[in-house]
Amino acid sequence: MTNAHSVPTSLTPDGYAKARRVLMKRDPVLAAAIKEIGACGMASRQRKDHLSALVGSIVSQQLSTKAAATIFGRFVALFPEQQIPGTHAIAALDDSTLRGVGLSGQKVGYLRDLCARIGSGELDLDELESLPDELVIERLTAVKGFGRWTAEMFLMFRLHRPDVLPAGDLGIMNAIQRLYRLRKRPDAKRILKLGEAWKPYRSVASWYLWQTLRNEPLATAKRSRPRSRSKSRAR
């Protein structure tokens, strides 16, 4: 995770460009993929604010990108100018209205818990900006329906933290196995060891690994790629 003394707390567009250069020098295997894929697109792939990002995370669980986008679009259409004014506006909606846009009863419960924690001050969204990565994860995983993976995606794509490596992500596992031509899918321990070379830009390395699953012409793509449950949503 991020070391505040060696890298900025969040990456700027220039920071992403620097990370790309550093990774290409450090890892020749990943460098070939980075060269083919091009500039990192992480900076442009996020919601407008923290609350929208977290609501989007709930909506997208267990859904394809297309289905999640449709339901999220219906959800924000419930509010003026299709923008969520705050947790009070969500709390004011009854369950039948939320179910009507396509949310399951379980996801409605997750939304209620998120809004209650923010409303009570137990979860301070503004505070997340200044917290270390692990404390952000701790705060977010206290919310119902939020696991470590969801918190890591928030760190990477909303807070632009540079050094997050979701070692338990199936897409990361598949990408590494394919790109590095491993006989077996690597476990989290092996991924973390491999990722030592990518510090302090493991978030950017992860993004490029996910892209290799979508970039068919890569020289290492000798087998049809498996679908990852996680890779279709936050990226």
C-alpha atoms as a PDB file:
ATOM      1  CA  MET A   1       0.000   0.000   0.000  1.00  0.00           C
ATOM      2  CA  THR A   2       0.946   3.622  -0.306  1.00  0.00           C
ATOM      3  CA  ASN A   3       3.996   4.997   1.445  1.00  0.00           C
ATOM      4  CA  ALA A   4       3.231   8.687   1.869  1.00  0.00           C
ATOM      5  CA  HIS A   5       6.914   9.525   2.167  1.00  0.00           C
ATOM      6  CA  SER A   6       7.888   8.178  -1.270  1.00  0.00           C
ATOM      7  CA  VAL A   7       4.867   8.854  -3.524  1.00  0.00           C
ATOM      8  CA  PRO A   8       1.964  11.323  -3.577  1.00  0.00           C
ATOM      9  CA  THR A   9      -1.212  10.275  -1.797  1.00  0.00           C
ATOM     10  CA  SER A  10      -3.033  10.291  -5.128  1.00  0.00           C
ATOM     11  CA  LEU A  11      -1.882  10.132  -8.724  1.00  0.00           C
ATOM     12  CA  THR A  12      -2.275  13.016 -11.166  1.00  0.00           C
ATOM     13  CA  PRO A  13      -2.271  12.543 -14.963  1.00  0.00           C
ATOM     14  CA  ASP A  14       1.467  13.273 -14.896  1.00  0.00           C
ATOM     15  CA  GLY A  15       1.831  10.739 -12.095  1.00  0.00           C
ATOM     16  CA  TYR A  16       0.177   8.040 -14.192  1.00  0.00           C
ATOM     17  CA  ALA A  17       2.557   8.800 -17.045  1.00  0.00           C
ATOM     18  CA  LYS A  18       5.535   8.532 -14.695  1.00  0.00           C
ATOM     19  CA  ALA A  19       4.212   5.256 -13.272  1.00  0.00           C
ATOM     20  CA  ARG A  20       3.971   3.845 -16.790  1.00  0.00           C
ATOM     21  CA  ARG A  21       7.616   4.719 -17.475  1.00  0.00           C
ATOM     22  CA  VAL A  22       8.804   3.265 -14.163  1.00  0.00           C
ATOM     23  CA  LEU A  23       6.926  -0.004 -14.675  1.00  0.00           C
ATOM     24  CA  MET A  24       8.323  -0.415 -18.188  1.00  0.00           C
ATOM     25  CA  LYS A  25      11.857  -0.098 -16.843  1.00  0.00           C
ATOM     26  CA  ARG A  26      11.268  -2.452 -13.912  1.00  0.00           C
ATOM     27  CA  ASP A  27       9.468  -5.361 -15.590  1.00  0.00           C
ATOM     28  CA  PRO A  28      10.261  -6.326 -19.196  1.00  0.00           C
ATOM     29  CA  VAL A  29       7.318  -8.745 -19.403  1.00  0.00           C
ATOM     30  CA  LEU A  30       4.807  -6.167 -18.259  1.00  0.00           C
ATOM     31  CA  ALA A  31       6.592  -3.546 -20.369  1.00  0.00           C
ATOM     32  CA  ALA A  32       5.635  -5.337 -23.587  1.00  0.00           C
ATOM     33  CA  ALA A  33       1.984  -5.258 -22.588  1.00  0.00           C
ATOM     34  CA  ILE A  34       2.155  -1.612 -21.492  1.00  0.00           C
ATOM     35  CA  LYS A  35       3.715  -0.601 -24.807  1.00  0.00           C
ATOM     36  CA  GLU A  36       0.937  -2.293 -26.744  1.00  0.00           C
ATOM     37  CA  ILE A  37      -1.903  -1.006 -24.554  1.00  0.00           C
ATOM     38  CA  GLY A  38      -0.721   2.596 -24.404  1.00  0.00           C
ATOM     39  CA  ALA A  39      -1.499   5.290 -21.851  1.00  0.00           C
ATOM     40  CA  CYS A  40      -3.126   4.357 -18.558  1.00  0.00           C
ATOM     41  CA  GLY A  41      -6.829   5.150 -18.516  1.00  0.00           C
ATOM     42  CA  MET A  42      -7.418   5.080 -14.771  1.00  0.00           C
ATOM     43  CA  ALA A  43      -7.771   8.835 -14.320  1.00  0.00           C
ATOM     44  CA  SER A  44     -10.901   9.028 -16.452  1.00  0.00           C
ATOM     45  CA  ARG A  45     -12.698   5.956 -15.118  1.00  0.00           C
ATOM     46  CA  GLN A  46     -14.555   7.048 -11.998  1.00  0.00           C
ATOM     47  CA  ARG A  47     -17.800   8.431 -10.589  1.00  0.00           C
ATOM     48  CA  LYS A  48     -18.286  12.140  -9.863  1.00  0.00           C
ATOM     49  CA  ASP A  49     -18.024  11.913  -6.066  1.00  0.00           C
ATOM     50  CA  HIS A  50     -17.366   9.480  -3.216  1.00  0.00           C
ATOM     51  CA  LEU A  51     -21.032   8.751  -2.506  1.00  0.00           C
ATOM     52  CA  SER A  52     -21.831   8.022  -6.151  1.00  0.00           C
ATOM     53  CA  ALA A  53     -18.786   5.763  -6.351  1.00  0.00           C
ATOM     54  CA  LEU A  54     -19.876   3.759  -3.308  1.00  0.00           C
ATOM     55  CA  VAL A  55     -23.476   3.527  -4.480  1.00  0.00           C
ATOM     56  CA  GLY A  56     -22.173   2.388  -7.855  1.00  0.00           C
ATOM     57  CA  SER A  57     -20.156  -0.325  -6.124  1.00  0.00           C
ATOM     58  CA  ILE A  58     -23.299  -1.665  -4.468  1.00  0.00           C
ATOM     59  CA  VAL A  59     -25.332  -1.525  -7.671  1.00  0.00           C
ATOM     60  CA  SER A  60     -22.677  -3.334  -9.712  1.00  0.00           C
ATOM     61  CA  GLN A  61     -22.233  -6.343  -7.433  1.00  0.00           C
ATOM     62  CA  GLN A  62     -22.793  -9.629  -9.308  1.00  0.00           C
ATOM     63  CA  LEU A  63     -23.801  -7.795 -12.492  1.00  0.00           C
ATOM     64  CA  SER A  64     -22.286  -7.260 -15.924  1.00  0.00           C
ATOM     65  CA  THR A  65     -21.031  -3.796 -16.780  1.00  0.00           C
ATOM     66  CA  LYS A  66     -24.024  -3.177 -19.061  1.00  0.00           C
ATOM     67  CA  ALA A  67     -26.643  -4.297 -16.533  1.00  0.00           C
ATOM     68  CA  ALA A  68     -24.990  -2.296 -13.737  1.00  0.00           C
ATOM     69  CA  ALA A  69     -24.892   0.847 -15.889  1.00  0.00           C
ATOM     70  CA  THR A  70     -28.582   0.465 -16.736  1.00  0.00           C
ATOM     71  CA  ILE A  71     -29.656   0.095 -13.111  1.00  0.00           C
ATOM     72  CA  PHE A  72     -27.384   2.894 -11.914  1.00  0.00           C
ATOM     73  CA  GLY A  73     -28.837   5.130 -14.620  1.00  0.00           C
ATOM     74  CA  ARG A  74     -32.359   4.374 -13.414  1.00  0.00           C
ATOM     75  CA  PHE A  75     -31.289   5.029  -9.845  1.00  0.00           C
ATOM     76  CA  VAL A  76     -29.772   8.462 -10.455  1.00  0.00           C
ATOM     77  CA  ALA A  77     -32.796   9.371 -12.603  1.00  0.00           C
ATOM     78  CA  LEU A  78     -34.757   9.411  -9.349  1.00  0.00           C
ATOM     79  CA  PHE A  79     -32.945  12.638  -8.393  1.00  0.00           C
ATOM     80  CA  PRO A  80     -32.903  16.150  -9.879  1.00  0.00           C
ATOM     81  CA  GLU A  81     -30.406  16.512 -12.749  1.00  0.00           C
ATOM     82  CA  GLN A  82     -29.559  12.821 -12.292  1.00  0.00           C
ATOM     83  CA  GLN A  83     -27.205  13.601  -9.417  1.00  0.00           C
ATOM     84  CA  ILE A  84     -27.419  12.156  -5.906  1.00  0.00           C
ATOM     85  CA  PRO A  85     -27.815  15.175  -3.580  1.00  0.00           C
ATOM     86  CA  GLY A  86     -26.767  13.242  -0.492  1.00  0.00           C
ATOM     87  CA  THR A  87     -27.635  10.327   1.757  1.00  0.00           C
ATOM     88  CA  HIS A  88     -30.773  12.116   2.972  1.00  0.00           C
ATOM     89  CA  ALA A  89     -32.214  11.918  -0.534  1.00  0.00           C
ATOM     90  CA  ILE A  90     -31.561   8.182  -0.726  1.00  0.00           C
ATOM     91  CA  ALA A  91     -32.992   7.613   2.758  1.00  0.00           C
ATOM     92  CA  ALA A  92     -36.173   9.423   1.731  1.00  0.00           C
ATOM     93  CA  LEU A  93     -36.904   6.816  -0.958  1.00  0.00           C
ATOM     94  CA  ASP A  94     -39.012   3.842   0.074  1.00  0.00           C
ATOM     95  CA  ASP A  95     -37.971   0.268  -0.590  1.00  0.00           C
ATOM     96  CA  SER A  96     -40.501  -0.248  -3.380  1.00  0.00           C
ATOM     97  CA  THR A  97     -39.054   2.701  -5.311  1.00  0.00           C
ATOM     98  CA  LEU A  98     -35.518   1.360  -4.949  1.00  0.00           C
ATOM     99  CA  ARG A  99     -36.629  -2.129  -5.926  1.00  0.00           C
ATOM    100  CA  GLY A 100     -38.415  -0.599  -8.902  1.00  0.00           C
ATOM    101  CA  VAL A 101     -35.161   0.560 -10.507  1.00  0.00           C
ATOM    102  CA  GLY A 102     -33.777  -2.982 -10.335  1.00  0.00           C
ATOM    103  CA  LEU A 103     -32.080  -3.206  -6.935  1.00  0.00           C
ATOM    104  CA  SER A 104     -32.449  -6.445  -5.013  1.00  0.00           C
ATOM    105  CA  GLY A 105     -33.729  -6.430  -1.469  1.00  0.00           C
ATOM    106  CA  GLN A 106     -30.218  -7.219  -0.271  1.00  0.00           C
ATOM    107  CA  LYS A 107     -28.734  -4.253  -2.129  1.00  0.00           C
ATOM    108  CA  VAL A 108     -31.438  -1.979  -0.747  1.00  0.00           C
ATOM    109  CA  GLY A 109     -30.292  -3.101   2.703  1.00  0.00           C
ATOM    110  CA  TYR A 110     -26.688  -2.302   1.808  1.00  0.00           C
ATOM    111  CA  LEU A 111     -27.719   1.183   0.649  1.00  0.00           C
ATOM    112  CA  ARG A 112     -29.615   1.767   3.889  1.00  0.00           C
ATOM    113  CA  ASP A 113     -26.612   0.734   5.955  1.00  0.00           C
ATOM    114  CA  LEU A 114     -24.253   2.947   3.923  1.00  0.00           C
ATOM    115  CA  CYS A 115     -26.536   5.966   4.324  1.00  0.00           C
ATOM    116  CA  ALA A 116     -27.039   5.331   8.038  1.00  0.00           C
ATOM    117  CA  ARG A 117     -23.295   5.146   8.687  1.00  0.00           C
ATOM    118  CA  ILE A 118     -22.626   8.316   6.718  1.00  0.00           C
ATOM    119  CA  GLY A 119     -25.542  10.106   8.374  1.00  0.00           C
ATOM    120  CA  SER A 120     -24.385   9.198  11.867  1.00  0.00           C
ATOM    121  CA  GLY A 121     -20.810  10.262  11.163  1.00  0.00           C
ATOM    122  CA  GLU A 122     -19.499   6.735  11.627  1.00  0.00           C
ATOM    123  CA  LEU A 123     -18.284   6.874   8.027  1.00  0.00           C
ATOM    124  CA  ASP A 124     -16.874  10.276   7.107  1.00  0.00           C
ATOM    125  CA  LEU A 125     -16.408  10.383   3.338  1.00  0.00           C
ATOM    126  CA  ASP A 126     -14.274  13.528   3.451  1.00  0.00           C
ATOM    127  CA  GLU A 127     -11.952  11.886   5.967  1.00  0.00           C
ATOM    128  CA  LEU A 128     -11.147   9.082   3.534  1.00  0.00           C
ATOM    129  CA  GLU A 129      -9.021  11.463   1.469  1.00  0.00           C
ATOM    130  CA  SER A 130      -6.443  11.776   4.242  1.00  0.00           C
ATOM    131  CA  LEU A 131      -6.447   8.239   5.652  1.00  0.00           C
ATOM    132  CA  PRO A 132      -3.804   5.600   4.856  1.00  0.00           C
ATOM    133  CA  ASP A 133      -4.948   2.830   2.530  1.00  0.00           C
ATOM    134  CA  GLU A 134      -5.507   0.217   5.223  1.00  0.00           C
ATOM    135  CA  LEU A 135      -7.646   2.567   7.302  1.00  0.00           C
ATOM    136  CA  VAL A 136      -9.770   3.371   4.257  1.00  0.00           C
ATOM    137  CA  ILE A 137     -10.275  -0.361   3.787  1.00  0.00           C
ATOM    138  CA  GLU A 138     -11.157  -0.733   7.468  1.00  0.00           C
ATOM    139  CA  ARG A 139     -13.739   2.050   7.290  1.00  0.00           C
ATOM    140  CA  LEU A 140     -15.383   0.803   4.112  1.00  0.00           C
ATOM    141  CA  THR A 141     -15.498  -2.889   4.972  1.00  0.00           C
ATOM    142  CA  ALA A 142     -17.511  -2.015   8.102  1.00  0.00           C
ATOM    143  CA  VAL A 143     -20.391  -1.219   5.725  1.00  0.00           C
ATOM    144  CA  LYS A 144     -22.683  -4.128   4.877  1.00  0.00           C
ATOM    145  CA  GLY A 145     -21.915  -5.544   1.457  1.00  0.00           C
ATOM    146  CA  PHE A 146     -18.449  -4.018   1.204  1.00  0.00           C
ATOM    147  CA  GLY A 147     -15.539  -6.429   1.102  1.00  0.00           C
ATOM    148  CA  ARG A 148     -11.847  -5.778   0.728  1.00  0.00           C
ATOM    149  CA  TRP A 149     -12.014  -5.903  -3.081  1.00  0.00           C
ATOM    150  CA  THR A 150     -14.647  -3.132  -3.187  1.00  0.00           C
ATOM    151  CA  ALA A 151     -12.525  -0.992  -0.874  1.00  0.00           C
ATOM    152  CA  GLU A 152      -9.443  -1.590  -3.018  1.00  0.00           C
ATOM    153  CA  MET A 153     -11.332  -0.495  -6.136  1.00  0.00           C
ATOM    154  CA  PHE A 154     -12.388   2.681  -4.326  1.00  0.00           C
ATOM    155  CA  LEU A 155      -8.772   3.359  -3.381  1.00  0.00           C
ATOM    156  CA  MET A 156      -7.579   2.833  -6.929  1.00  0.00           C
ATOM    157  CA  PHE A 157     -10.286   4.451  -9.018  1.00  0.00           C
ATOM    158  CA  ARG A 158     -11.763   7.104  -6.726  1.00  0.00           C
ATOM    159  CA  LEU A 159      -8.880   8.145  -4.485  1.00  0.00           C
ATOM    160  CA  HIS A 160      -6.223   7.407  -7.130  1.00  0.00           C
ATOM    161  CA  ARG A 161      -3.960   5.717  -4.624  1.00  0.00           C
ATOM    162  CA  PRO A 162      -0.876   4.510  -6.485  1.00  0.00           C
ATOM    163  CA  ASP A 163       0.174   1.351  -4.678  1.00  0.00           C
ATOM    164  CA  VAL A 164      -2.810  -0.992  -4.320  1.00  0.00           C
ATOM    165  CA  LEU A 165      -2.487  -4.595  -5.486  1.00  0.00           C
ATOM    166  CA  PRO A 166      -5.738  -6.624  -5.276  1.00  0.00           C
ATOM    167  CA  ALA A 167      -3.957  -9.951  -4.978  1.00  0.00           C
ATOM    168  CA  GLY A 168      -7.205 -11.865  -4.474  1.00  0.00           C
ATOM    169  CA  ASP A 169      -8.779 -10.615  -7.709  1.00  0.00           C
ATOM    170  CA  LEU A 170      -9.502 -13.383 -10.199  1.00  0.00           C
ATOM    171  CA  GLY A 171      -8.736 -11.141 -13.154  1.00  0.00           C
ATOM    172  CA  ILE A 172      -5.294 -10.312 -11.753  1.00  0.00           C
ATOM    173  CA  MET A 173      -4.603 -14.006 -11.188  1.00  0.00           C
ATOM    174  CA  ASN A 174      -5.642 -14.943 -14.723  1.00  0.00           C
ATOM    175  CA  ALA A 175      -3.725 -12.065 -16.290  1.00  0.00           C
ATOM    176  CA  ILE A 176      -0.495 -12.932 -14.484  1.00  0.00           C
ATOM    177  CA  GLN A 177      -0.793 -16.610 -15.337  1.00  0.00           C
ATOM    178  CA  ARG A 178      -1.302 -15.751 -18.990  1.00  0.00           C
ATOM    179  CA  LEU A 179       1.200 -12.911 -19.338  1.00  0.00           C
ATOM    180  CA  TYR A 180       4.019 -14.618 -17.440  1.00  0.00           C
ATOM    181  CA  ARG A 181       3.214 -18.038 -18.899  1.00  0.00           C
ATOM    182  CA  LEU A 182       2.778 -19.772 -15.570  1.00  0.00           C
ATOM    183  CA  ARG A 183       1.615 -23.372 -15.477  1.00  0.00           C
ATOM    184  CA  LYS A 184      -0.711 -22.736 -12.547  1.00  0.00           C
ATOM    185  CA  ARG A 185      -2.806 -19.793 -11.538  1.00  0.00           C
ATOM    186  CA  PRO A 186      -0.728 -17.858  -8.954  1.00  0.00           C
ATOM    187  CA  ASP A 187      -1.988 -17.467  -5.414  1.00  0.00           C
ATOM    188  CA  ALA A 188      -2.022 -14.175  -3.512  1.00  0.00           C
ATOM    189  CA  LYS A 189       1.369 -14.837  -1.931  1.00  0.00           C
ATOM    190  CA  ARG A 190       3.068 -15.295  -5.301  1.00  0.00           C
ATOM    191  CA  ILE A 191       1.302 -12.242  -6.740  1.00  0.00           C
ATOM    192  CA  LEU A 192       2.479 -10.064  -3.863  1.00  0.00           C
ATOM    193  CA  LYS A 193       6.030 -11.302  -4.338  1.00  0.00           C
ATOM    194  CA  LEU A 194       5.911 -10.569  -8.073  1.00  0.00           C
ATOM    195  CA  GLY A 195       4.405  -7.183  -7.300  1.00  0.00           C
ATOM    196  CA  GLU A 196       7.428  -6.081  -5.282  1.00  0.00           C
ATOM    197  CA  ALA A 197       8.978  -4.931  -8.561  1.00  0.00           C
ATOM    198  CA  TRP A 198       5.975  -2.690  -9.272  1.00  0.00           C
ATOM    199  CA  LYS A 199       6.107  -0.648  -6.069  1.00  0.00           C
ATOM    200  CA  PRO A 200       5.136   2.121  -5.570  1.00  0.00           C
ATOM    201  CA  TYR A 201       2.827   1.861  -8.593  1.00  0.00           C
ATOM    202  CA  ARG A 202       1.055  -1.453  -8.113  1.00  0.00           C
ATOM    203  CA  SER A 203      -2.330   0.141  -8.836  1.00  0.00           C
ATOM    204  CA  VAL A 204      -1.170   1.059 -12.320  1.00  0.00           C
ATOM    205  CA  ALA A 205       0.402  -2.356 -12.855  1.00  0.00           C
ATOM    206  CA  SER A 206      -2.922  -3.930 -11.858  1.00  0.00           C
ATOM    207  CA  TRP A 207      -4.799  -1.815 -14.389  1.00  0.00           C
ATOM    208  CA  TYR A 208      -2.477  -2.924 -17.161  1.00  0.00           C
ATOM    209  CA  LEU A 209      -2.849  -6.553 -16.114  1.00  0.00           C
ATOM    210  CA  TRP A 210      -6.627  -6.264 -16.390  1.00  0.00           C
ATOM    211  CA  GLN A 211      -6.258  -4.719 -19.851  1.00  0.00           C
ATOM    212  CA  THR A 212      -4.236  -7.685 -21.095  1.00  0.00           C
ATOM    213  CA  LEU A 213      -7.348  -9.813 -20.675  1.00  0.00           C
ATOM    214  CA  ARG A 214      -9.075  -7.546 -23.193  1.00  0.00           C
ATOM    215  CA  ASN A 215      -6.157  -7.118 -25.588  1.00  0.00           C
ATOM    216  CA  GLU A 216      -6.258 -10.216 -27.782  1.00  0.00           C
ATOM    217  CA  PRO A 217      -3.192  -9.464 -29.968  1.00  0.00           C
ATOM    218  CA  LEU A 218      -0.706  -9.777 -27.079  1.00  0.00           C
ATOM    219  CA  ALA A 219       1.955 -12.333 -27.906  1.00  0.00           C
ATOM    220  CA  THR A 220       1.242 -14.280 -24.743  1.00  0.00           C
ATOM    221  CA  ALA A 221      -2.456 -14.719 -25.571  1.00  0.00           C
ATOM    222  CA  LYS A 222      -2.298 -18.316 -26.716  1.00  0.00           C
ATOM    223  CA  ARG A 223      -5.458 -19.475 -24.956  1.00  0.00           C
ATOM    224  CA  SER A 224      -8.979 -18.085 -24.853  1.00  0.00           C
ATOM    225  CA  ARG A 225      -9.201 -15.818 -21.852  1.00  0.00           C
ATOM    226  CA  PRO A 226     -11.404 -16.711 -18.860  1.00  0.00           C
ATOM    227  CA  ARG A 227     -13.931 -14.185 -17.617  1.00  0.00           C
ATOM    228  CA  SER A 228     -13.279 -12.655 -14.222  1.00  0.00           C
ATOM    229  CA  ARG A 229     -16.247 -11.722 -12.052  1.00  0.00           C
ATOM    230  CA  SER A 230     -14.448  -8.653 -10.860  1.00  0.00           C
ATOM    231  CA  LYS A 231     -12.685  -7.261 -13.918  1.00  0.00           C
ATOM    232  CA  SER A 232     -15.816  -6.027 -15.691  1.00  0.00           C
ATOM    233  CA  ARG A 233     -17.014  -3.483 -13.166  1.00  0.00           C
ATOM    234  CA  ALA A 234     -14.644  -1.003 -11.643  1.00  0.00           C
ATOM    235  CA  ARG A 235     -12.497  -0.715 -14.726  1.00  0.00           C
END
